[in-house]
N, C-alpha and C. Protein backbone atom coordinates (compact mmCIF):
# COMPACT_ATOMS: atom_id res chain seq x y z
N UNK A 1 0.81 -1.19 0.00
CA UNK A 1 0.00 0.00 0.00
C UNK A 1 0.86 1.27 0.00
N UNK A 2 1.92 1.21 0.83
CA UNK A 2 2.81 2.37 0.89
C UNK A 2 3.48 2.63 -0.45
N UNK A 3 3.81 1.53 -1.17
CA UNK A 3 4.47 1.68 -2.47
C UNK A 3 3.52 2.30 -3.50
N UNK A 4 2.29 1.97 -3.42
CA UNK A 4 1.31 2.53 -4.36
C UNK A 4 1.13 4.02 -4.09
N UNK A 5 1.07 4.42 -2.84
CA UNK A 5 0.97 5.84 -2.51
C UNK A 5 2.21 6.61 -2.94
N UNK A 6 3.38 5.99 -2.74
CA UNK A 6 4.63 6.62 -3.15
C UNK A 6 4.65 6.81 -4.66
N UNK A 7 4.23 5.79 -5.42
CA UNK A 7 4.18 5.92 -6.87
C UNK A 7 3.16 6.96 -7.31
N UNK A 8 2.05 7.04 -6.61
CA UNK A 8 1.03 8.02 -6.95
C UNK A 8 1.55 9.44 -6.79
N UNK A 9 2.47 9.64 -5.88
CA UNK A 9 3.04 10.97 -5.66
C UNK A 9 4.21 11.22 -6.61
N UNK A 10 5.08 10.22 -6.81
CA UNK A 10 6.28 10.41 -7.62
C UNK A 10 6.02 10.51 -9.11
N UNK A 11 5.06 9.77 -9.65
CA UNK A 11 4.81 9.76 -11.09
C UNK A 11 4.45 11.16 -11.60
N UNK A 12 3.51 11.88 -10.98
CA UNK A 12 3.21 13.23 -11.48
C UNK A 12 4.41 14.18 -11.33
N UNK A 13 5.17 14.00 -10.26
CA UNK A 13 6.33 14.87 -10.07
C UNK A 13 7.38 14.62 -11.14
N UNK A 14 7.66 13.36 -11.43
CA UNK A 14 8.65 13.03 -12.44
C UNK A 14 8.18 13.44 -13.83
N UNK A 15 6.91 13.32 -14.09
CA UNK A 15 6.37 13.73 -15.39
C UNK A 15 6.54 15.24 -15.58
N UNK A 16 6.41 16.02 -14.52
CA UNK A 16 6.57 17.47 -14.61
C UNK A 16 8.02 17.88 -14.77
N UNK A 17 8.95 17.04 -14.41
CA UNK A 17 10.38 17.39 -14.51
C UNK A 17 10.85 17.48 -15.94
N UNK A 18 10.16 16.88 -16.87
CA UNK A 18 10.57 16.96 -18.28
C UNK A 18 10.53 18.38 -18.80
N UNK A 19 9.71 19.23 -18.22
CA UNK A 19 9.56 20.60 -18.69
C UNK A 19 10.51 21.58 -17.99
N UNK A 20 11.29 21.10 -17.03
CA UNK A 20 12.18 22.00 -16.29
C UNK A 20 13.42 22.31 -17.11
N UNK A 21 13.87 23.56 -17.05
CA UNK A 21 15.10 23.96 -17.72
C UNK A 21 16.29 23.55 -16.86
N UNK A 22 17.33 23.14 -17.53
CA UNK A 22 18.54 22.76 -16.81
C UNK A 22 19.43 23.99 -16.71
N UNK A 23 19.86 24.29 -15.50
CA UNK A 23 20.69 25.47 -15.26
C UNK A 23 22.12 25.02 -15.08
N UNK A 24 23.03 25.58 -15.84
CA UNK A 24 24.45 25.29 -15.72
C UNK A 24 25.04 26.18 -14.65
N UNK A 25 25.48 25.60 -13.54
CA UNK A 25 25.99 26.40 -12.43
C UNK A 25 27.33 27.06 -12.75
N UNK A 26 28.02 26.57 -13.79
CA UNK A 26 29.28 27.21 -14.18
C UNK A 26 29.06 28.47 -15.00
N UNK A 27 27.85 28.69 -15.47
CA UNK A 27 27.53 29.85 -16.29
C UNK A 27 26.31 30.56 -15.70
N UNK A 28 26.47 31.17 -14.50
CA UNK A 28 25.30 31.81 -13.88
C UNK A 28 24.87 33.06 -14.64
N UNK A 29 23.61 33.37 -14.51
CA UNK A 29 23.07 34.59 -15.09
C UNK A 29 23.63 35.77 -14.31
N UNK A 30 24.18 36.77 -15.00
CA UNK A 30 24.75 37.89 -14.26
C UNK A 30 23.68 38.66 -13.49
N UNK A 31 24.06 39.14 -12.32
CA UNK A 31 23.17 39.96 -11.51
C UNK A 31 22.92 41.28 -12.22
N UNK A 32 21.70 41.77 -12.20
CA UNK A 32 21.45 43.08 -12.82
C UNK A 32 22.19 44.16 -12.03
N UNK A 33 22.75 45.11 -12.74
CA UNK A 33 23.46 46.19 -12.05
C UNK A 33 22.60 47.45 -12.06
N UNK A 34 22.69 48.18 -10.98
CA UNK A 34 21.95 49.43 -10.86
C UNK A 34 22.93 50.55 -11.10
N UNK A 35 22.70 51.31 -12.13
CA UNK A 35 23.57 52.43 -12.46
C UNK A 35 22.83 53.71 -12.11
N UNK A 36 23.48 54.58 -11.30
CA UNK A 36 22.81 55.84 -11.00
C UNK A 36 22.59 56.64 -12.27
N UNK A 37 21.50 57.36 -12.30
CA UNK A 37 21.20 58.15 -13.49
C UNK A 37 21.51 59.62 -13.23
N UNK A 38 21.82 60.32 -14.31
CA UNK A 38 22.07 61.74 -14.18
C UNK A 38 20.74 62.47 -14.25
N UNK A 39 20.58 63.47 -13.39
CA UNK A 39 19.38 64.28 -13.39
C UNK A 39 19.79 65.71 -13.09
N UNK A 40 18.87 66.62 -13.27
CA UNK A 40 19.14 68.03 -13.04
C UNK A 40 18.22 68.53 -11.94
N UNK A 41 18.81 69.14 -10.93
CA UNK A 41 18.07 69.71 -9.81
C UNK A 41 17.86 71.19 -10.12
N UNK A 42 16.60 71.63 -10.17
CA UNK A 42 16.28 73.04 -10.38
C UNK A 42 16.24 73.70 -9.01
N UNK A 43 17.24 74.54 -8.72
CA UNK A 43 17.33 75.19 -7.41
C UNK A 43 16.51 76.46 -7.34
N UNK A 44 16.08 76.98 -8.48
CA UNK A 44 15.34 78.24 -8.53
C UNK A 44 16.26 79.36 -8.98
N UNK A 45 15.69 80.51 -9.32
CA UNK A 45 16.44 81.69 -9.78
C UNK A 45 17.34 81.36 -10.96
N UNK A 46 16.92 80.38 -11.80
CA UNK A 46 17.69 80.02 -12.99
C UNK A 46 18.91 79.16 -12.72
N UNK A 47 19.10 78.71 -11.49
CA UNK A 47 20.28 77.90 -11.14
C UNK A 47 19.88 76.43 -11.16
N UNK A 48 20.72 75.63 -11.81
CA UNK A 48 20.50 74.19 -11.89
C UNK A 48 21.79 73.46 -11.55
N UNK A 49 21.64 72.22 -11.09
CA UNK A 49 22.78 71.39 -10.74
C UNK A 49 22.57 70.01 -11.34
N UNK A 50 23.47 69.62 -12.26
CA UNK A 50 23.42 68.28 -12.84
C UNK A 50 24.17 67.34 -11.91
N UNK A 51 23.52 66.22 -11.57
CA UNK A 51 24.06 65.29 -10.57
C UNK A 51 23.89 63.86 -11.06
N UNK A 52 24.85 63.02 -10.69
CA UNK A 52 24.75 61.59 -10.94
C UNK A 52 24.40 60.94 -9.61
N UNK A 53 23.16 60.51 -9.45
CA UNK A 53 22.72 59.93 -8.18
C UNK A 53 21.22 60.03 -8.03
N UNK A 54 20.78 60.32 -6.80
CA UNK A 54 19.35 60.42 -6.49
C UNK A 54 19.08 61.70 -5.70
N UNK A 55 17.86 62.22 -5.84
CA UNK A 55 17.47 63.44 -5.15
C UNK A 55 16.19 63.20 -4.35
N UNK A 56 16.18 63.70 -3.14
CA UNK A 56 14.92 63.78 -2.39
C UNK A 56 14.78 65.24 -1.98
N UNK A 57 13.64 65.81 -2.29
CA UNK A 57 13.41 67.23 -2.06
C UNK A 57 12.32 67.38 -1.02
N UNK A 58 12.48 68.35 -0.15
CA UNK A 58 11.43 68.63 0.80
C UNK A 58 11.31 70.13 1.01
N UNK A 59 10.12 70.56 1.36
CA UNK A 59 9.86 71.96 1.65
C UNK A 59 10.31 72.26 3.07
N UNK A 60 10.90 73.41 3.26
CA UNK A 60 11.37 73.79 4.59
C UNK A 60 10.32 74.67 5.26
N UNK A 61 10.25 74.55 6.53
CA UNK A 61 9.34 75.40 7.30
C UNK A 61 9.99 75.62 8.67
N UNK A 62 11.25 76.01 8.64
CA UNK A 62 11.95 76.20 9.91
C UNK A 62 11.86 77.65 10.37
N UNK A 63 12.33 77.91 11.53
CA UNK A 63 12.25 79.24 12.13
C UNK A 63 13.09 80.30 11.43
N UNK A 64 14.06 79.87 10.60
CA UNK A 64 14.95 80.83 9.96
C UNK A 64 14.37 81.39 8.67
N UNK A 65 13.52 80.64 7.98
CA UNK A 65 12.91 81.12 6.74
C UNK A 65 13.91 81.43 5.65
N UNK A 66 14.97 80.65 5.56
CA UNK A 66 16.03 80.94 4.59
C UNK A 66 15.82 80.31 3.22
N UNK A 67 14.99 79.27 3.14
CA UNK A 67 14.84 78.56 1.88
C UNK A 67 13.44 77.98 1.77
N UNK A 68 12.97 77.83 0.53
CA UNK A 68 11.69 77.19 0.30
C UNK A 68 11.84 75.67 0.23
N UNK A 69 12.86 75.25 -0.51
CA UNK A 69 13.10 73.82 -0.71
C UNK A 69 14.54 73.47 -0.37
N UNK A 70 14.70 72.25 0.07
CA UNK A 70 16.02 71.72 0.35
C UNK A 70 16.13 70.40 -0.42
N UNK A 71 17.28 70.14 -0.98
CA UNK A 71 17.51 68.91 -1.73
C UNK A 71 18.54 68.06 -1.00
N UNK A 72 18.25 66.79 -0.85
CA UNK A 72 19.22 65.85 -0.28
C UNK A 72 19.65 64.95 -1.42
N UNK A 73 20.88 65.09 -1.84
CA UNK A 73 21.41 64.32 -2.95
C UNK A 73 22.21 63.14 -2.42
N UNK A 74 21.98 61.98 -2.98
CA UNK A 74 22.75 60.80 -2.64
C UNK A 74 23.53 60.41 -3.88
N UNK A 75 24.86 60.43 -3.77
CA UNK A 75 25.74 60.12 -4.89
C UNK A 75 26.72 59.03 -4.47
N UNK A 76 27.54 58.61 -5.41
CA UNK A 76 28.56 57.60 -5.11
C UNK A 76 29.58 58.12 -4.10
N UNK A 77 29.72 59.43 -4.01
CA UNK A 77 30.71 60.01 -3.08
C UNK A 77 30.10 60.42 -1.75
N UNK A 78 28.80 60.23 -1.55
CA UNK A 78 28.18 60.55 -0.27
C UNK A 78 26.92 61.38 -0.43
N UNK A 79 26.43 61.88 0.70
CA UNK A 79 25.20 62.67 0.72
C UNK A 79 25.53 64.17 0.76
N UNK A 80 24.70 64.94 0.08
CA UNK A 80 24.86 66.39 0.02
C UNK A 80 23.51 67.05 0.27
N UNK A 81 23.52 68.20 0.91
CA UNK A 81 22.33 69.01 1.11
C UNK A 81 22.51 70.27 0.29
N UNK A 82 21.57 70.55 -0.63
CA UNK A 82 21.69 71.68 -1.54
C UNK A 82 20.50 72.60 -1.35
N UNK A 83 20.78 73.90 -1.17
CA UNK A 83 19.74 74.88 -0.90
C UNK A 83 20.08 76.19 -1.59
N UNK A 84 19.08 76.84 -2.17
CA UNK A 84 19.24 78.21 -2.64
C UNK A 84 18.66 79.10 -1.55
N UNK A 85 19.54 79.84 -0.88
CA UNK A 85 19.12 80.68 0.25
C UNK A 85 18.49 81.97 -0.25
N UNK A 86 17.47 82.43 0.43
CA UNK A 86 16.82 83.70 0.10
C UNK A 86 17.76 84.87 0.38
N UNK A 87 17.51 85.98 -0.26
CA UNK A 87 18.36 87.17 -0.08
C UNK A 87 18.25 87.75 1.32
N UNK A 88 17.12 87.54 2.00
CA UNK A 88 16.94 88.08 3.35
C UNK A 88 17.31 87.07 4.45
N UNK A 89 17.98 85.99 4.08
CA UNK A 89 18.36 84.96 5.05
C UNK A 89 19.40 85.49 6.02
N UNK A 90 19.19 85.20 7.28
CA UNK A 90 20.17 85.50 8.32
C UNK A 90 20.87 84.19 8.64
N UNK A 91 22.19 84.19 8.65
CA UNK A 91 22.93 82.95 8.89
C UNK A 91 22.46 82.26 10.15
N UNK A 92 22.39 80.95 10.08
CA UNK A 92 22.05 80.11 11.23
C UNK A 92 23.07 78.97 11.24
N UNK A 93 24.28 79.26 11.72
CA UNK A 93 25.37 78.29 11.57
C UNK A 93 25.38 77.14 12.56
N UNK A 94 24.56 77.14 13.58
CA UNK A 94 24.58 76.08 14.59
C UNK A 94 24.07 74.79 13.97
N UNK A 95 24.98 73.86 13.71
CA UNK A 95 24.63 72.59 13.09
C UNK A 95 24.42 71.56 14.18
N UNK A 96 23.15 71.23 14.45
CA UNK A 96 22.82 70.39 15.59
C UNK A 96 21.62 69.50 15.30
N UNK A 97 21.73 68.22 15.59
CA UNK A 97 20.62 67.26 15.57
C UNK A 97 19.78 67.29 14.30
N UNK A 98 20.40 67.06 13.17
CA UNK A 98 19.69 66.99 11.89
C UNK A 98 19.68 68.28 11.10
N UNK A 99 19.94 69.42 11.75
CA UNK A 99 20.02 70.71 11.06
C UNK A 99 21.50 71.04 10.85
N UNK A 100 21.90 71.19 9.60
CA UNK A 100 23.32 71.40 9.28
C UNK A 100 23.68 72.87 9.09
N UNK A 101 22.74 73.78 9.30
CA UNK A 101 23.02 75.20 9.27
C UNK A 101 22.68 75.88 7.96
N UNK A 102 22.52 77.21 8.04
CA UNK A 102 22.39 78.07 6.86
C UNK A 102 23.53 79.07 6.94
N UNK A 103 24.23 79.23 5.85
CA UNK A 103 25.39 80.12 5.83
C UNK A 103 25.27 81.08 4.65
N UNK A 104 25.10 82.35 4.94
CA UNK A 104 25.14 83.34 3.86
C UNK A 104 26.57 83.78 3.62
N UNK A 105 27.44 83.50 4.59
CA UNK A 105 28.87 83.77 4.50
C UNK A 105 29.55 82.80 5.46
N UNK A 106 30.83 82.55 5.26
CA UNK A 106 31.54 81.68 6.22
C UNK A 106 31.53 82.29 7.61
N UNK A 107 31.39 81.47 8.65
CA UNK A 107 31.42 82.01 10.01
C UNK A 107 32.78 82.65 10.31
N UNK A 108 32.77 83.61 11.20
CA UNK A 108 34.01 84.29 11.59
C UNK A 108 35.00 83.28 12.16
N UNK A 109 36.23 83.43 11.78
CA UNK A 109 37.30 82.60 12.34
C UNK A 109 37.56 81.28 11.64
N UNK A 110 36.75 80.89 10.65
CA UNK A 110 37.02 79.63 9.95
C UNK A 110 38.00 79.86 8.80
N UNK A 111 38.74 78.84 8.48
CA UNK A 111 39.67 78.91 7.35
C UNK A 111 38.86 78.72 6.06
N UNK A 112 39.01 79.67 5.14
CA UNK A 112 38.22 79.67 3.90
C UNK A 112 39.13 79.45 2.71
N UNK A 113 38.72 78.58 1.82
CA UNK A 113 39.41 78.35 0.55
C UNK A 113 38.46 78.74 -0.58
N UNK A 114 38.98 78.88 -1.77
CA UNK A 114 38.15 79.20 -2.93
C UNK A 114 38.42 78.21 -4.04
N UNK A 115 37.45 78.06 -4.92
CA UNK A 115 37.58 77.21 -6.11
C UNK A 115 36.66 77.81 -7.17
N UNK A 116 36.80 77.33 -8.39
CA UNK A 116 35.98 77.83 -9.49
C UNK A 116 34.84 76.85 -9.78
N UNK A 117 33.68 77.40 -10.16
CA UNK A 117 32.56 76.61 -10.66
C UNK A 117 32.11 77.25 -11.97
N UNK A 118 31.29 76.58 -12.76
CA UNK A 118 30.80 77.16 -14.00
C UNK A 118 29.99 78.44 -13.81
N UNK A 119 29.47 78.71 -12.60
CA UNK A 119 28.68 79.93 -12.40
C UNK A 119 29.40 80.97 -11.54
N UNK A 120 30.64 80.70 -11.19
CA UNK A 120 31.40 81.67 -10.42
C UNK A 120 32.20 81.02 -9.31
N UNK A 121 32.95 81.85 -8.58
CA UNK A 121 33.79 81.31 -7.51
C UNK A 121 32.97 80.78 -6.34
N UNK A 122 33.54 79.81 -5.65
CA UNK A 122 32.89 79.19 -4.50
C UNK A 122 33.79 79.38 -3.29
N UNK A 123 33.17 79.68 -2.15
CA UNK A 123 33.88 79.74 -0.87
C UNK A 123 33.69 78.39 -0.18
N UNK A 124 34.77 77.82 0.32
CA UNK A 124 34.74 76.50 0.94
C UNK A 124 35.27 76.58 2.37
N UNK A 125 34.59 75.89 3.28
CA UNK A 125 35.06 75.83 4.66
C UNK A 125 34.49 74.59 5.33
N UNK A 126 35.07 74.24 6.46
CA UNK A 126 34.61 73.10 7.26
C UNK A 126 33.76 73.62 8.40
N UNK A 127 32.76 72.83 8.79
CA UNK A 127 31.90 73.21 9.90
C UNK A 127 31.59 71.99 10.75
N UNK A 128 31.64 72.16 12.06
CA UNK A 128 31.36 71.06 12.97
C UNK A 128 29.85 70.83 13.05
N UNK A 129 29.45 69.56 12.91
CA UNK A 129 28.06 69.14 13.05
C UNK A 129 27.99 68.27 14.30
N UNK A 130 26.97 68.50 15.16
CA UNK A 130 26.86 67.81 16.44
C UNK A 130 25.49 67.14 16.55
N UNK A 131 25.49 65.92 17.09
CA UNK A 131 24.24 65.22 17.44
C UNK A 131 24.32 64.87 18.91
N UNK A 132 23.24 65.19 19.63
CA UNK A 132 23.19 64.92 21.06
C UNK A 132 21.93 64.14 21.42
N UNK A 133 22.10 63.08 22.17
CA UNK A 133 20.98 62.39 22.81
C UNK A 133 21.37 62.31 24.29
N UNK A 134 21.87 61.18 24.73
CA UNK A 134 22.38 61.09 26.10
C UNK A 134 23.78 61.68 26.21
N UNK A 135 24.49 61.69 25.10
CA UNK A 135 25.82 62.32 25.02
C UNK A 135 25.92 62.96 23.64
N UNK A 136 26.94 63.78 23.45
CA UNK A 136 27.10 64.48 22.17
C UNK A 136 28.30 63.92 21.40
N UNK A 137 28.12 63.81 20.11
CA UNK A 137 29.19 63.39 19.20
C UNK A 137 29.19 64.34 18.02
N UNK A 138 30.35 64.49 17.40
CA UNK A 138 30.44 65.44 16.29
C UNK A 138 31.12 64.84 15.08
N UNK A 139 30.94 65.51 13.96
CA UNK A 139 31.56 65.17 12.69
C UNK A 139 31.82 66.50 11.98
N UNK A 140 32.54 66.46 10.87
CA UNK A 140 32.89 67.69 10.17
C UNK A 140 32.29 67.70 8.77
N UNK A 141 31.34 68.62 8.54
CA UNK A 141 30.76 68.84 7.22
C UNK A 141 31.69 69.74 6.42
N UNK A 142 31.65 69.60 5.09
CA UNK A 142 32.31 70.54 4.19
C UNK A 142 31.21 71.38 3.57
N UNK A 143 31.38 72.71 3.57
CA UNK A 143 30.35 73.63 3.11
C UNK A 143 30.88 74.45 1.94
N UNK A 144 30.03 74.65 0.93
CA UNK A 144 30.37 75.48 -0.23
C UNK A 144 29.29 76.54 -0.40
N UNK A 145 29.71 77.77 -0.67
CA UNK A 145 28.79 78.89 -0.92
C UNK A 145 29.13 79.54 -2.24
N UNK A 146 28.12 79.67 -3.11
CA UNK A 146 28.30 80.31 -4.41
C UNK A 146 27.27 81.43 -4.51
N UNK A 147 27.74 82.66 -4.72
CA UNK A 147 26.84 83.81 -4.86
C UNK A 147 26.19 83.78 -6.24
N UNK A 148 24.86 83.97 -6.26
CA UNK A 148 24.10 84.06 -7.50
C UNK A 148 23.21 85.29 -7.36
N UNK A 149 23.69 86.42 -7.88
CA UNK A 149 22.98 87.68 -7.69
C UNK A 149 22.95 88.01 -6.21
N UNK A 150 21.76 88.25 -5.65
CA UNK A 150 21.65 88.56 -4.22
C UNK A 150 21.33 87.33 -3.38
N UNK A 151 21.41 86.15 -4.00
CA UNK A 151 21.13 84.90 -3.28
C UNK A 151 22.40 84.05 -3.19
N UNK A 152 22.32 82.99 -2.41
CA UNK A 152 23.48 82.12 -2.21
C UNK A 152 23.08 80.67 -2.40
N UNK A 153 23.84 79.94 -3.22
CA UNK A 153 23.68 78.49 -3.32
C UNK A 153 24.57 77.90 -2.24
N UNK A 154 23.96 77.14 -1.34
CA UNK A 154 24.68 76.48 -0.26
C UNK A 154 24.67 74.98 -0.51
N UNK A 155 25.84 74.37 -0.54
CA UNK A 155 25.95 72.93 -0.71
C UNK A 155 26.78 72.41 0.46
N UNK A 156 26.22 71.46 1.20
CA UNK A 156 26.91 70.88 2.35
C UNK A 156 27.14 69.40 2.08
N UNK A 157 28.42 69.00 2.12
CA UNK A 157 28.78 67.58 2.07
C UNK A 157 28.58 67.05 3.48
N UNK A 158 27.55 66.24 3.68
CA UNK A 158 27.14 65.82 5.00
C UNK A 158 28.02 64.71 5.56
N UNK A 159 28.62 64.97 6.71
CA UNK A 159 29.38 63.95 7.42
C UNK A 159 28.42 63.18 8.31
N UNK A 160 28.83 62.02 8.77
CA UNK A 160 27.95 61.19 9.60
C UNK A 160 28.54 61.03 10.99
N UNK A 161 27.75 61.38 11.97
CA UNK A 161 28.12 61.14 13.36
C UNK A 161 27.83 59.67 13.64
N UNK A 162 28.78 58.97 14.20
CA UNK A 162 28.56 57.57 14.52
C UNK A 162 28.74 56.65 13.33
N UNK A 163 29.05 57.17 12.18
CA UNK A 163 29.30 56.35 11.00
C UNK A 163 30.77 56.35 10.67
N UNK A 164 31.08 55.82 9.51
CA UNK A 164 32.48 55.74 9.10
C UNK A 164 32.96 57.03 8.44
N UNK A 165 32.06 57.94 8.09
CA UNK A 165 32.42 59.16 7.39
C UNK A 165 32.29 60.35 8.34
N UNK A 166 33.30 60.55 9.20
CA UNK A 166 33.27 61.66 10.16
C UNK A 166 33.70 62.98 9.52
N UNK A 167 34.43 62.91 8.42
CA UNK A 167 34.82 64.10 7.67
C UNK A 167 34.58 63.80 6.19
N UNK A 168 34.42 64.84 5.42
CA UNK A 168 34.16 64.68 3.99
C UNK A 168 35.33 65.23 3.18
N UNK A 169 35.47 64.74 1.97
CA UNK A 169 36.53 65.15 1.06
C UNK A 169 36.09 66.42 0.32
N UNK A 170 36.83 67.49 0.52
CA UNK A 170 36.49 68.76 -0.12
C UNK A 170 36.58 68.67 -1.64
N UNK A 171 37.50 67.88 -2.16
CA UNK A 171 37.66 67.75 -3.61
C UNK A 171 36.40 67.14 -4.23
N UNK A 172 35.75 66.21 -3.55
CA UNK A 172 34.50 65.62 -4.05
C UNK A 172 33.39 66.66 -4.08
N UNK A 173 33.37 67.56 -3.11
CA UNK A 173 32.39 68.64 -3.09
C UNK A 173 32.60 69.57 -4.28
N UNK A 174 33.84 69.95 -4.54
CA UNK A 174 34.15 70.83 -5.68
C UNK A 174 33.79 70.13 -6.99
N UNK A 175 34.04 68.82 -7.09
CA UNK A 175 33.67 68.08 -8.30
C UNK A 175 32.16 68.11 -8.52
N UNK A 176 31.38 67.95 -7.45
CA UNK A 176 29.92 68.02 -7.57
C UNK A 176 29.48 69.39 -8.08
N UNK A 177 30.14 70.44 -7.62
CA UNK A 177 29.77 71.82 -7.99
C UNK A 177 30.03 72.12 -9.47
N UNK A 178 30.79 71.29 -10.14
CA UNK A 178 31.05 71.51 -11.56
C UNK A 178 29.80 71.27 -12.41
N UNK A 179 28.77 70.71 -11.81
CA UNK A 179 27.49 70.51 -12.50
C UNK A 179 26.56 71.71 -12.42
N UNK A 180 27.00 72.81 -11.78
CA UNK A 180 26.16 74.01 -11.68
C UNK A 180 26.04 74.74 -13.01
N UNK A 181 24.83 75.23 -13.33
CA UNK A 181 24.61 76.08 -14.50
C UNK A 181 23.64 77.18 -14.10
N UNK A 182 23.67 78.27 -14.84
CA UNK A 182 22.75 79.38 -14.58
C UNK A 182 22.20 79.83 -15.92
N UNK A 183 20.86 79.99 -15.98
CA UNK A 183 20.21 80.43 -17.21
C UNK A 183 20.41 81.90 -17.44
């Protein structure tokens, strides 16, 4: 009886095996690769930034009123926060707990470098970013400011507190800024 039940189960299974494709394990199908795509971020006031990566945009509604929109760019070289600051923005340099600051000019006392972009010179400096819960930890953001008329394009290369990227490479920030254009 057991043999008859076993045959009743095995015969349909074996009959279905004729239709199965044979896979050669020495020649696996290559994994699909995800290639970041290039896109253009419209910052406003005719300023655009071409980027290879991803963008997430959100509207700001903070107490400083410096910007309408903020862009968080994720690229192969890290995360960046890009904002076109309003002309009436008052600097808010305290970078604390998710807020990386607004800079209409470099803070007093920081070392400032310059570089060229397609829309004009950029001021570059480092700024300490702090996160506090039960204790405080810090990392160093790289900040770039480009004047566009009476407004400022602010790009911050975001460092990570508690991650492996406590400081950012300024050269990567300058390379990202080469995608700036102005209409």
